[in-house]
Amino acid sequence: MNDARRRRVRRVGAFLLVLAAQFGIFEAALRTWGSSEAAPAFQGLFTGDEATGYRLQPGARVRFTTSEFSTDIAINSRGVRDDEEIGPKAPNERRIVILGDSLVLSVQVPFGETFGELLEHRLNAEQSQYRYRVINAGVQGYGPVEELLFFRTVARAFEPDLVIATLFVGNDAEEAVASEGRLTGGGQPAVQSLGEDLTTWLRRVVRRSMVLQILRLRVVAAT
């Protein structure tokens, strides 16, 4: 390696070192004084799951605060956002399970202001022989495939009479195509499986970094 090439390598190395140091400083500062979905308090809502990759942590309790809102979030023992437990279904009870992503989970508002709870109150305000229970089964970041897997492994046990699958036209179709192989298990080609693993890893890294979360939000806003 000649001297000119060595100097270029050293300059690139120094640039990467400074970039990494700045990233670390910004990440530490945002975790200390800022708030986003990558904040430790918010990440404490989640746990790993063999079927879906991750899900809400049963029994989790956090107060999630940003510059725009501050919300107490409670996850019951069945792993869904609810202030009450989900026990055996009474003979006169009718249950509605709402599957979805952040639009359903709605961490920006108190539980009583989520649209599932508003629907439950409206249904029970009518004169009826039934008592309605609307169950918020939304999980931040889920796509249609994860929602189906979550229903199969968790929400089906809630004995729903009706299941509502919410859709976000901005990305749900794309995510469903990208995750299709997870429905059949080991049948996808090795290259496709590797690509899905890499995509899952990148999403996890972005979700856990406050700097990358902010960059993602800026890119989404711009596009």
C-alpha atoms as a PDB file:
ATOM      1  CA  MET A   1       0.000   0.000   0.000  1.00  0.00           C
ATOM      2  CA  ASN A   2       1.532   3.336  -1.047  1.00  0.00           C
ATOM      3  CA  ASP A   3       1.621   6.457   1.161  1.00  0.00           C
ATOM      4  CA  ALA A   4      -1.299   8.211  -0.602  1.00  0.00           C
ATOM      5  CA  ARG A   5      -3.563   5.208  -0.102  1.00  0.00           C
ATOM      6  CA  ARG A   6      -2.546   4.941   3.559  1.00  0.00           C
ATOM      7  CA  ARG A   7      -3.453   8.596   4.090  1.00  0.00           C
ATOM      8  CA  ARG A   8      -6.872   8.047   2.480  1.00  0.00           C
ATOM      9  CA  VAL A   9      -7.499   5.007   4.678  1.00  0.00           C
ATOM     10  CA  ARG A  10      -6.508   6.970   7.794  1.00  0.00           C
ATOM     11  CA  ARG A  11      -8.793   9.855   6.814  1.00  0.00           C
ATOM     12  CA  VAL A  12     -11.724   7.485   6.234  1.00  0.00           C
ATOM     13  CA  GLY A  13     -10.990   5.729   9.535  1.00  0.00           C
ATOM     14  CA  ALA A  14     -10.823   9.069  11.390  1.00  0.00           C
ATOM     15  CA  PHE A  15     -14.090  10.192   9.764  1.00  0.00           C
ATOM     16  CA  LEU A  16     -15.863   6.974  10.777  1.00  0.00           C
ATOM     17  CA  LEU A  17     -14.487   7.247  14.315  1.00  0.00           C
ATOM     18  CA  VAL A  18     -15.760  10.838  14.662  1.00  0.00           C
ATOM     19  CA  LEU A  19     -19.119   9.823  13.172  1.00  0.00           C
ATOM     20  CA  ALA A  20     -19.439   6.929  15.626  1.00  0.00           C
ATOM     21  CA  ALA A  21     -18.515   9.209  18.542  1.00  0.00           C
ATOM     22  CA  GLN A  22     -21.089  11.813  17.506  1.00  0.00           C
ATOM     23  CA  PHE A  23     -23.746   9.109  17.093  1.00  0.00           C
ATOM     24  CA  GLY A  24     -22.984   7.804  20.582  1.00  0.00           C
ATOM     25  CA  ILE A  25     -23.148  11.295  22.102  1.00  0.00           C
ATOM     26  CA  PHE A  26     -26.456  12.113  20.389  1.00  0.00           C
ATOM     27  CA  GLU A  27     -27.910   8.726  21.362  1.00  0.00           C
ATOM     28  CA  ALA A  28     -26.900   9.176  25.020  1.00  0.00           C
ATOM     29  CA  ALA A  29     -28.241  12.750  25.105  1.00  0.00           C
ATOM     30  CA  LEU A  30     -31.582  11.794  23.582  1.00  0.00           C
ATOM     31  CA  ARG A  31     -31.976   8.871  25.971  1.00  0.00           C
ATOM     32  CA  THR A  32     -31.267  11.230  28.875  1.00  0.00           C
ATOM     33  CA  TRP A  33     -33.251  14.308  27.848  1.00  0.00           C
ATOM     34  CA  GLY A  34     -35.332  13.277  24.845  1.00  0.00           C
ATOM     35  CA  SER A  35     -38.198  10.880  24.211  1.00  0.00           C
ATOM     36  CA  SER A  36     -39.152   8.616  21.327  1.00  0.00           C
ATOM     37  CA  GLU A  37     -40.216   5.047  20.633  1.00  0.00           C
ATOM     38  CA  ALA A  38     -36.592   4.051  21.258  1.00  0.00           C
ATOM     39  CA  ALA A  39     -36.690   5.337  24.846  1.00  0.00           C
ATOM     40  CA  PRO A  40     -36.024   2.625  27.456  1.00  0.00           C
ATOM     41  CA  ALA A  41     -39.449   3.253  29.028  1.00  0.00           C
ATOM     42  CA  PHE A  42     -41.217   2.561  25.748  1.00  0.00           C
ATOM     43  CA  GLN A  43     -39.047  -0.435  24.860  1.00  0.00           C
ATOM     44  CA  GLY A  44     -39.948  -1.907  28.240  1.00  0.00           C
ATOM     45  CA  LEU A  45     -43.409  -2.546  26.816  1.00  0.00           C
ATOM     46  CA  PHE A  46     -42.107  -5.302  24.549  1.00  0.00           C
ATOM     47  CA  THR A  47     -40.759  -8.812  24.873  1.00  0.00           C
ATOM     48  CA  GLY A  48     -39.568 -11.431  22.394  1.00  0.00           C
ATOM     49  CA  ASP A  49     -42.019 -13.904  20.909  1.00  0.00           C
ATOM     50  CA  GLU A  50     -41.263 -17.051  18.899  1.00  0.00           C
ATOM     51  CA  ALA A  51     -44.259 -16.721  16.583  1.00  0.00           C
ATOM     52  CA  THR A  52     -44.373 -12.987  15.870  1.00  0.00           C
ATOM     53  CA  GLY A  53     -40.842 -11.871  16.739  1.00  0.00           C
ATOM     54  CA  TYR A  54     -42.028  -9.638  19.560  1.00  0.00           C
ATOM     55  CA  ARG A  55     -45.208  -8.729  21.430  1.00  0.00           C
ATOM     56  CA  LEU A  56     -46.350  -6.599  24.347  1.00  0.00           C
ATOM     57  CA  GLN A  57     -44.870  -7.658  27.677  1.00  0.00           C
ATOM     58  CA  PRO A  58     -47.615  -9.143  29.899  1.00  0.00           C
ATOM     59  CA  GLY A  59     -47.948  -7.091  33.068  1.00  0.00           C
ATOM     60  CA  ALA A  60     -45.868  -4.153  31.782  1.00  0.00           C
ATOM     61  CA  ARG A  61     -46.577  -0.716  33.255  1.00  0.00           C
ATOM     62  CA  VAL A  62     -44.882   2.416  31.903  1.00  0.00           C
ATOM     63  CA  ARG A  63     -45.419   6.133  31.656  1.00  0.00           C
ATOM     64  CA  PHE A  64     -44.402   7.195  28.159  1.00  0.00           C
ATOM     65  CA  THR A  65     -43.580  10.897  27.861  1.00  0.00           C
ATOM     66  CA  THR A  66     -42.658  12.955  24.791  1.00  0.00           C
ATOM     67  CA  SER A  67     -42.763  16.669  23.999  1.00  0.00           C
ATOM     68  CA  GLU A  68     -46.325  16.174  22.711  1.00  0.00           C
ATOM     69  CA  PHE A  69     -47.970  13.888  25.287  1.00  0.00           C
ATOM     70  CA  SER A  70     -47.540  11.888  28.472  1.00  0.00           C
ATOM     71  CA  THR A  71     -49.490   8.647  28.811  1.00  0.00           C
ATOM     72  CA  ASP A  72     -49.750   5.831  31.340  1.00  0.00           C
ATOM     73  CA  ILE A  73     -49.750   2.511  29.495  1.00  0.00           C
ATOM     74  CA  ALA A  74     -50.818  -0.730  31.172  1.00  0.00           C
ATOM     75  CA  ILE A  75     -50.562  -4.190  29.624  1.00  0.00           C
ATOM     76  CA  ASN A  76     -52.643  -6.911  31.258  1.00  0.00           C
ATOM     77  CA  SER A  77     -51.524 -10.475  31.963  1.00  0.00           C
ATOM     78  CA  ARG A  78     -52.710 -11.654  28.551  1.00  0.00           C
ATOM     79  CA  GLY A  79     -50.403  -9.226  26.756  1.00  0.00           C
ATOM     80  CA  VAL A  80     -52.850  -6.627  25.427  1.00  0.00           C
ATOM     81  CA  ARG A  81     -53.413  -2.998  26.387  1.00  0.00           C
ATOM     82  CA  ASP A  82     -56.277  -3.094  28.872  1.00  0.00           C
ATOM     83  CA  ASP A  83     -57.001  -1.951  32.423  1.00  0.00           C
ATOM     84  CA  GLU A  84     -58.917  -5.163  33.125  1.00  0.00           C
ATOM     85  CA  GLU A  85     -58.074  -8.848  32.881  1.00  0.00           C
ATOM     86  CA  ILE A  86     -59.656 -11.122  30.268  1.00  0.00           C
ATOM     87  CA  GLY A  87     -61.296 -13.986  32.082  1.00  0.00           C
ATOM     88  CA  PRO A  88     -63.833 -16.598  30.976  1.00  0.00           C
ATOM     89  CA  LYS A  89     -66.554 -15.228  28.724  1.00  0.00           C
ATOM     90  CA  ALA A  90     -69.964 -14.876  30.368  1.00  0.00           C
ATOM     91  CA  PRO A  91     -73.029 -16.303  28.558  1.00  0.00           C
ATOM     92  CA  ASN A  92     -74.381 -12.809  27.823  1.00  0.00           C
ATOM     93  CA  GLU A  93     -70.995 -11.375  26.781  1.00  0.00           C
ATOM     94  CA  ARG A  94     -70.018 -10.604  23.205  1.00  0.00           C
ATOM     95  CA  ARG A  95     -66.351  -9.966  22.438  1.00  0.00           C
ATOM     96  CA  ILE A  96     -64.745  -7.965  19.649  1.00  0.00           C
ATOM     97  CA  VAL A  97     -60.991  -8.240  19.066  1.00  0.00           C
ATOM     98  CA  ILE A  98     -59.298  -5.428  17.145  1.00  0.00           C
ATOM     99  CA  LEU A  99     -56.020  -6.393  15.458  1.00  0.00           C
ATOM    100  CA  GLY A 100     -53.642  -3.734  14.202  1.00  0.00           C
ATOM    101  CA  ASP A 101     -50.494  -1.719  14.731  1.00  0.00           C
ATOM    102  CA  SER A 102     -49.766   1.605  16.425  1.00  0.00           C
ATOM    103  CA  LEU A 103     -53.082   3.042  15.227  1.00  0.00           C
ATOM    104  CA  VAL A 104     -54.884   0.505  17.422  1.00  0.00           C
ATOM    105  CA  LEU A 105     -52.434   0.491  20.342  1.00  0.00           C
ATOM    106  CA  SER A 106     -52.667   4.325  20.430  1.00  0.00           C
ATOM    107  CA  VAL A 107     -49.950   5.112  22.989  1.00  0.00           C
ATOM    108  CA  GLN A 108     -50.596   8.827  22.454  1.00  0.00           C
ATOM    109  CA  VAL A 109     -53.847   8.795  24.442  1.00  0.00           C
ATOM    110  CA  PRO A 110     -55.116   7.312  27.724  1.00  0.00           C
ATOM    111  CA  PHE A 111     -56.674   3.876  27.397  1.00  0.00           C
ATOM    112  CA  GLY A 112     -60.182   5.237  27.852  1.00  0.00           C
ATOM    113  CA  GLU A 113     -59.742   7.431  24.760  1.00  0.00           C
ATOM    114  CA  THR A 114     -58.649   4.666  22.378  1.00  0.00           C
ATOM    115  CA  PHE A 115     -61.222   4.001  19.678  1.00  0.00           C
ATOM    116  CA  GLY A 116     -61.746   0.446  20.899  1.00  0.00           C
ATOM    117  CA  GLU A 117     -62.798   1.679  24.343  1.00  0.00           C
ATOM    118  CA  LEU A 118     -65.010   4.366  22.823  1.00  0.00           C
ATOM    119  CA  LEU A 119     -66.681   1.680  20.714  1.00  0.00           C
ATOM    120  CA  GLU A 120     -67.196  -0.520  23.787  1.00  0.00           C
ATOM    121  CA  HIS A 121     -68.842   2.294  25.738  1.00  0.00           C
ATOM    122  CA  ARG A 122     -71.085   3.171  22.807  1.00  0.00           C
ATOM    123  CA  LEU A 123     -72.216  -0.440  22.334  1.00  0.00           C
ATOM    124  CA  ASN A 124     -72.934  -0.890  26.032  1.00  0.00           C
ATOM    125  CA  ALA A 125     -74.882   2.379  26.148  1.00  0.00           C
ATOM    126  CA  GLU A 126     -77.522   0.804  23.905  1.00  0.00           C
ATOM    127  CA  GLN A 127     -80.331  -1.186  25.464  1.00  0.00           C
ATOM    128  CA  SER A 128     -79.279  -4.766  24.775  1.00  0.00           C
ATOM    129  CA  GLN A 129     -79.364  -8.199  26.334  1.00  0.00           C
ATOM    130  CA  TYR A 130     -75.610  -8.453  25.748  1.00  0.00           C
ATOM    131  CA  ARG A 131     -72.585  -6.893  27.403  1.00  0.00           C
ATOM    132  CA  TYR A 132     -69.895  -6.036  24.882  1.00  0.00           C
ATOM    133  CA  ARG A 133     -66.138  -6.318  25.479  1.00  0.00           C
ATOM    134  CA  VAL A 134     -63.845  -4.716  22.903  1.00  0.00           C
ATOM    135  CA  ILE A 135     -60.254  -5.988  23.224  1.00  0.00           C
ATOM    136  CA  ASN A 136     -57.376  -3.837  21.986  1.00  0.00           C
ATOM    137  CA  ALA A 137     -54.962  -6.335  20.375  1.00  0.00           C
ATOM    138  CA  GLY A 138     -52.843  -3.720  18.606  1.00  0.00           C
ATOM    139  CA  VAL A 139     -49.044  -3.985  18.721  1.00  0.00           C
ATOM    140  CA  GLN A 140     -46.704  -1.211  17.598  1.00  0.00           C
ATOM    141  CA  GLY A 141     -45.018  -2.057  14.290  1.00  0.00           C
ATOM    142  CA  TYR A 142     -47.131  -5.097  13.375  1.00  0.00           C
ATOM    143  CA  GLY A 143     -48.134  -5.807   9.796  1.00  0.00           C
ATOM    144  CA  PRO A 144     -50.958  -8.078   8.573  1.00  0.00           C
ATOM    145  CA  VAL A 145     -48.850 -11.249   8.873  1.00  0.00           C
ATOM    146  CA  GLU A 146     -47.790 -10.526  12.475  1.00  0.00           C
ATOM    147  CA  GLU A 147     -51.395  -9.688  13.332  1.00  0.00           C
ATOM    148  CA  LEU A 148     -52.587 -13.032  11.978  1.00  0.00           C
ATOM    149  CA  LEU A 149     -49.854 -14.911  13.855  1.00  0.00           C
ATOM    150  CA  PHE A 150     -50.713 -13.027  17.034  1.00  0.00           C
ATOM    151  CA  PHE A 151     -54.354 -13.970  16.626  1.00  0.00           C
ATOM    152  CA  ARG A 152     -53.490 -17.633  16.109  1.00  0.00           C
ATOM    153  CA  THR A 153     -51.191 -17.853  19.116  1.00  0.00           C
ATOM    154  CA  VAL A 154     -52.743 -15.380  21.571  1.00  0.00           C
ATOM    155  CA  ALA A 155     -55.940 -13.540  20.662  1.00  0.00           C
ATOM    156  CA  ARG A 156     -57.917 -16.583  19.505  1.00  0.00           C
ATOM    157  CA  ALA A 157     -58.055 -17.677  23.160  1.00  0.00           C
ATOM    158  CA  PHE A 158     -60.098 -14.546  23.952  1.00  0.00           C
ATOM    159  CA  GLU A 159     -63.097 -16.275  22.282  1.00  0.00           C
ATOM    160  CA  PRO A 160     -64.039 -13.357  20.010  1.00  0.00           C
ATOM    161  CA  ASP A 161     -67.412 -13.205  18.313  1.00  0.00           C
ATOM    162  CA  LEU A 162     -66.028 -10.671  15.859  1.00  0.00           C
ATOM    163  CA  VAL A 163     -62.470  -9.871  14.748  1.00  0.00           C
ATOM    164  CA  ILE A 164     -61.661  -6.503  13.182  1.00  0.00           C
ATOM    165  CA  ALA A 165     -58.382  -6.292  11.264  1.00  0.00           C
ATOM    166  CA  THR A 166     -57.416  -2.662  10.757  1.00  0.00           C
ATOM    167  CA  LEU A 167     -55.369  -1.711   7.706  1.00  0.00           C
ATOM    168  CA  PHE A 168     -52.998   1.183   7.051  1.00  0.00           C
ATOM    169  CA  VAL A 169     -52.762   1.753   3.310  1.00  0.00           C
ATOM    170  CA  GLY A 170     -49.356   3.400   3.671  1.00  0.00           C
ATOM    171  CA  ASN A 171     -47.399   0.176   4.260  1.00  0.00           C
ATOM    172  CA  ASP A 172     -49.538  -2.846   5.181  1.00  0.00           C
ATOM    173  CA  ALA A 173     -49.634  -4.362   1.686  1.00  0.00           C
ATOM    174  CA  GLU A 174     -45.857  -4.052   1.294  1.00  0.00           C
ATOM    175  CA  GLU A 175     -45.224  -5.561   4.732  1.00  0.00           C
ATOM    176  CA  ALA A 176     -47.620  -8.437   4.053  1.00  0.00           C
ATOM    177  CA  VAL A 177     -45.756  -9.389   0.882  1.00  0.00           C
ATOM    178  CA  ALA A 178     -42.368  -9.098   2.616  1.00  0.00           C
ATOM    179  CA  SER A 179     -43.478 -11.325   5.534  1.00  0.00           C
ATOM    180  CA  GLU A 180     -45.527 -13.878   3.601  1.00  0.00           C
ATOM    181  CA  GLY A 181     -42.960 -16.644   4.125  1.00  0.00           C
ATOM    182  CA  ARG A 182     -43.534 -16.553   7.890  1.00  0.00           C
ATOM    183  CA  LEU A 183     -47.000 -18.036   7.427  1.00  0.00           C
ATOM    184  CA  THR A 184     -45.678 -21.303   6.051  1.00  0.00           C
ATOM    185  CA  GLY A 185     -42.430 -21.578   8.028  1.00  0.00           C
ATOM    186  CA  GLY A 186     -39.245 -23.198   6.515  1.00  0.00           C
ATOM    187  CA  GLY A 187     -40.556 -23.301   2.955  1.00  0.00           C
ATOM    188  CA  GLN A 188     -38.908 -20.113   1.726  1.00  0.00           C
ATOM    189  CA  PRO A 189     -35.591 -20.147  -0.173  1.00  0.00           C
ATOM    190  CA  ALA A 190     -32.452 -19.546   1.867  1.00  0.00           C
ATOM    191  CA  VAL A 191     -31.782 -16.190   0.162  1.00  0.00           C
ATOM    192  CA  GLN A 192     -35.311 -14.985   0.939  1.00  0.00           C
ATOM    193  CA  SER A 193     -35.004 -16.186   4.533  1.00  0.00           C
ATOM    194  CA  LEU A 194     -31.695 -14.353   4.916  1.00  0.00           C
ATOM    195  CA  GLY A 195     -33.272 -11.195   3.500  1.00  0.00           C
ATOM    196  CA  GLU A 196     -36.191 -11.417   5.932  1.00  0.00           C
ATOM    197  CA  ASP A 197     -33.792 -11.957   8.858  1.00  0.00           C
ATOM    198  CA  LEU A 198     -31.770  -8.920   7.812  1.00  0.00           C
ATOM    199  CA  THR A 199     -34.912  -6.812   7.452  1.00  0.00           C
ATOM    200  CA  THR A 200     -36.106  -7.898  10.897  1.00  0.00           C
ATOM    201  CA  TRP A 201     -32.698  -7.087  12.396  1.00  0.00           C
ATOM    202  CA  LEU A 202     -32.629  -3.628  10.772  1.00  0.00           C
ATOM    203  CA  ARG A 203     -36.140  -2.860  12.019  1.00  0.00           C
ATOM    204  CA  ARG A 204     -35.103  -3.903  15.532  1.00  0.00           C
ATOM    205  CA  VAL A 205     -31.985  -1.711  15.415  1.00  0.00           C
ATOM    206  CA  VAL A 206     -33.948   1.303  14.169  1.00  0.00           C
ATOM    207  CA  ARG A 207     -36.689   0.771  16.749  1.00  0.00           C
ATOM    208  CA  ARG A 208     -34.147   0.710  19.593  1.00  0.00           C
ATOM    209  CA  SER A 209     -32.107   3.737  18.516  1.00  0.00           C
ATOM    210  CA  MET A 210     -33.487   7.189  19.298  1.00  0.00           C
ATOM    211  CA  VAL A 211     -31.259   8.817  16.676  1.00  0.00           C
ATOM    212  CA  LEU A 212     -32.385   6.396  13.946  1.00  0.00           C
ATOM    213  CA  GLN A 213     -36.018   6.735  15.039  1.00  0.00           C
ATOM    214  CA  ILE A 214     -35.839  10.500  14.593  1.00  0.00           C
ATOM    215  CA  LEU A 215     -34.170  10.096  11.190  1.00  0.00           C
ATOM    216  CA  ARG A 216     -36.861   7.590  10.166  1.00  0.00           C
ATOM    217  CA  LEU A 217     -39.631   9.978  11.195  1.00  0.00           C
ATOM    218  CA  ARG A 218     -37.999  12.834   9.261  1.00  0.00           C
ATOM    219  CA  VAL A 219     -37.704  10.682   6.130  1.00  0.00           C
ATOM    220  CA  VAL A 220     -41.333   9.548   6.451  1.00  0.00           C
ATOM    221  CA  ALA A 221     -42.474  13.150   6.892  1.00  0.00           C
ATOM    222  CA  ALA A 222     -40.465  14.237   3.842  1.00  0.00           C
ATOM    223  CA  THR A 223     -41.733  11.462   1.583  1.00  0.00           C
END
